Amino acid sequence: MTKKQSLLQIHDLSLSVNLGWRQKERWQEQTVLLDLDISFAKSPKACESDQLADTVCYDALIKKIHAAIRKKNYCLLEHLCYEIYHIAADHLPSKTKIMIGVRKFPRIEGLKGGARFCYGDHFSSW
């Protein structure tokens, strides 16, 4: 029997953050979108038990991310992504692989889909 893989994905989570290279940009919160892939080393017990206690509560993880980023100003998208990775890593079981993508929408002529930076342990599903 082959080992099964499991992946929890969170897409387009809207976060309000003080972000920007120029101080003026950081004065007012802006919305960024977070994508988060969580690849488990071992499938959560909840696959069989159907119990929340046997898996990662993504509501709790999201609340933890919101609370942590509200406390800081970020100059760069790269640093914000790095910080969110470490917040998630502290919340998740060891040996879990994490991939973070954060997209912002700067006012740059012709840039329609925003700018996205990714950081983490794997890029296979990206």
Protein backbone atom coordinates (compact mmCIF):
# COMPACT_ATOMS: atom_id res chain seq x y z
CA MET A 1 0.00 0.00 0.00
CA THR A 2 1.41 3.40 -0.96
CA LYS A 3 1.74 6.17 1.58
CA LYS A 4 -0.94 8.81 1.18
CA GLN A 5 -0.10 12.49 1.21
CA SER A 6 -2.20 15.26 2.70
CA LEU A 7 -2.24 18.96 2.00
CA LEU A 8 -4.25 21.75 3.60
CA GLN A 9 -4.59 24.84 1.42
CA ILE A 10 -5.74 28.30 2.41
CA HIS A 11 -6.26 30.66 -0.51
CA ASP A 12 -6.80 34.39 -0.81
CA LEU A 13 -6.89 35.16 2.90
CA SER A 14 -7.28 38.92 3.12
CA LEU A 15 -4.88 40.55 5.58
CA SER A 16 -4.62 44.22 6.54
CA VAL A 17 -1.01 45.19 6.98
CA ASN A 18 1.21 48.27 7.19
CA LEU A 19 3.52 47.50 4.29
CA GLY A 20 5.70 49.53 1.98
CA TRP A 21 9.22 50.67 1.32
CA ARG A 22 8.36 54.32 1.85
CA GLN A 23 7.20 55.35 5.30
CA LYS A 24 4.21 57.11 3.73
CA GLU A 25 3.06 53.74 2.32
CA ARG A 26 3.16 52.17 5.78
CA TRP A 27 1.04 54.88 7.42
CA GLN A 28 -2.18 53.35 6.17
CA GLU A 29 -3.01 49.65 6.19
CA GLN A 30 -3.31 47.96 2.84
CA THR A 31 -4.83 44.63 1.92
CA VAL A 32 -2.64 41.74 0.84
CA LEU A 33 -3.75 38.23 -0.06
CA LEU A 34 -2.19 35.20 1.57
CA ASP A 35 -1.96 31.70 0.13
CA LEU A 36 -0.76 28.98 2.47
CA ASP A 37 -0.04 25.32 1.68
CA ILE A 38 0.50 22.96 4.59
CA SER A 39 1.89 19.58 3.59
CA PHE A 40 1.75 17.11 6.47
CA ALA A 41 4.54 14.58 7.03
CA LYS A 42 1.84 12.23 8.32
CA SER A 43 -1.85 12.63 7.51
CA PRO A 44 -3.79 14.14 10.40
CA LYS A 45 -5.60 11.63 12.59
CA ALA A 46 -8.77 13.61 11.81
CA CYS A 47 -8.91 11.94 8.39
CA GLU A 48 -10.22 8.90 10.23
CA SER A 49 -11.61 10.31 13.48
CA ASP A 50 -13.53 13.33 12.09
CA GLN A 51 -12.51 15.25 15.23
CA LEU A 52 -11.16 18.82 15.22
CA ALA A 53 -8.78 17.99 18.07
CA ASP A 54 -7.02 15.56 15.72
CA THR A 55 -6.01 18.13 13.11
CA VAL A 56 -4.77 21.68 12.64
CA CYS A 57 -7.46 24.24 13.33
CA TYR A 58 -6.92 26.71 10.50
CA ASP A 59 -9.21 29.25 12.18
CA ALA A 60 -6.80 29.38 15.13
CA LEU A 61 -3.82 29.62 12.77
CA ILE A 62 -5.43 32.47 10.83
CA LYS A 63 -6.20 34.34 14.06
CA LYS A 64 -2.60 33.89 15.17
CA ILE A 65 -1.32 35.33 11.87
CA HIS A 66 -3.71 38.30 12.05
CA ALA A 67 -2.69 39.10 15.63
CA ALA A 68 1.05 38.89 14.95
CA ILE A 69 1.17 41.03 11.81
CA ARG A 70 -0.98 43.79 13.33
CA LYS A 71 1.84 44.54 15.75
CA LYS A 72 4.44 45.46 13.10
CA ASN A 73 5.20 47.56 10.08
CA TYR A 74 6.85 45.84 7.13
CA CYS A 75 9.01 47.48 4.49
CA LEU A 76 9.15 44.51 2.14
CA LEU A 77 6.82 41.78 0.96
CA GLU A 78 9.69 39.31 1.35
CA HIS A 79 10.02 40.01 5.07
CA LEU A 80 6.26 39.81 5.64
CA CYS A 81 6.19 36.43 3.92
CA TYR A 82 9.15 35.20 5.98
CA GLU A 83 7.47 36.30 9.22
CA ILE A 84 4.18 34.57 8.34
CA TYR A 85 6.09 31.38 7.51
CA HIS A 86 7.60 31.35 11.00
CA ILE A 87 4.27 32.11 12.69
CA ALA A 88 2.74 29.15 10.85
CA ALA A 89 5.73 26.88 11.57
CA ASP A 90 5.44 27.55 15.30
CA HIS A 91 1.75 26.56 15.19
CA LEU A 92 2.11 23.36 13.14
CA PRO A 93 3.44 19.86 13.87
CA SER A 94 7.15 19.29 13.29
CA LYS A 95 8.20 18.02 9.87
CA THR A 96 5.27 19.85 8.28
CA LYS A 97 6.22 21.55 5.01
CA ILE A 98 4.86 25.03 4.51
CA MET A 99 4.62 27.27 1.47
CA ILE A 100 3.57 30.90 1.85
CA GLY A 101 2.59 33.27 -0.95
CA VAL A 102 1.71 36.90 -0.29
CA ARG A 103 0.35 39.20 -3.00
CA LYS A 104 0.08 42.96 -2.83
CA PHE A 105 -1.41 45.38 -5.29
CA PRO A 106 0.89 48.39 -5.64
CA ARG A 107 -0.10 51.32 -7.79
CA ILE A 108 2.24 50.60 -10.67
CA GLU A 109 1.04 51.44 -14.14
CA GLY A 110 0.11 48.32 -16.08
CA LEU A 111 0.42 45.95 -13.10
CA LYS A 112 -3.00 44.31 -12.95
CA GLY A 113 -2.49 41.14 -10.90
CA GLY A 114 -0.26 42.56 -8.21
CA ALA A 115 3.14 41.36 -7.05
CA ARG A 116 3.55 38.04 -5.27
CA PHE A 117 6.41 36.65 -3.20
CA CYS A 118 6.61 33.00 -2.09
CA TYR A 119 8.67 31.47 0.69
CA GLY A 120 8.77 28.00 2.14
CA ASP A 121 9.70 24.38 1.96
CA HIS A 122 8.30 23.32 -1.41
CA PHE A 123 7.02 24.74 -4.68
CA SER A 124 5.48 21.60 -6.16
CA SER A 125 1.86 22.80 -6.25
CA TRP A 126 2.69 26.40 -7.15
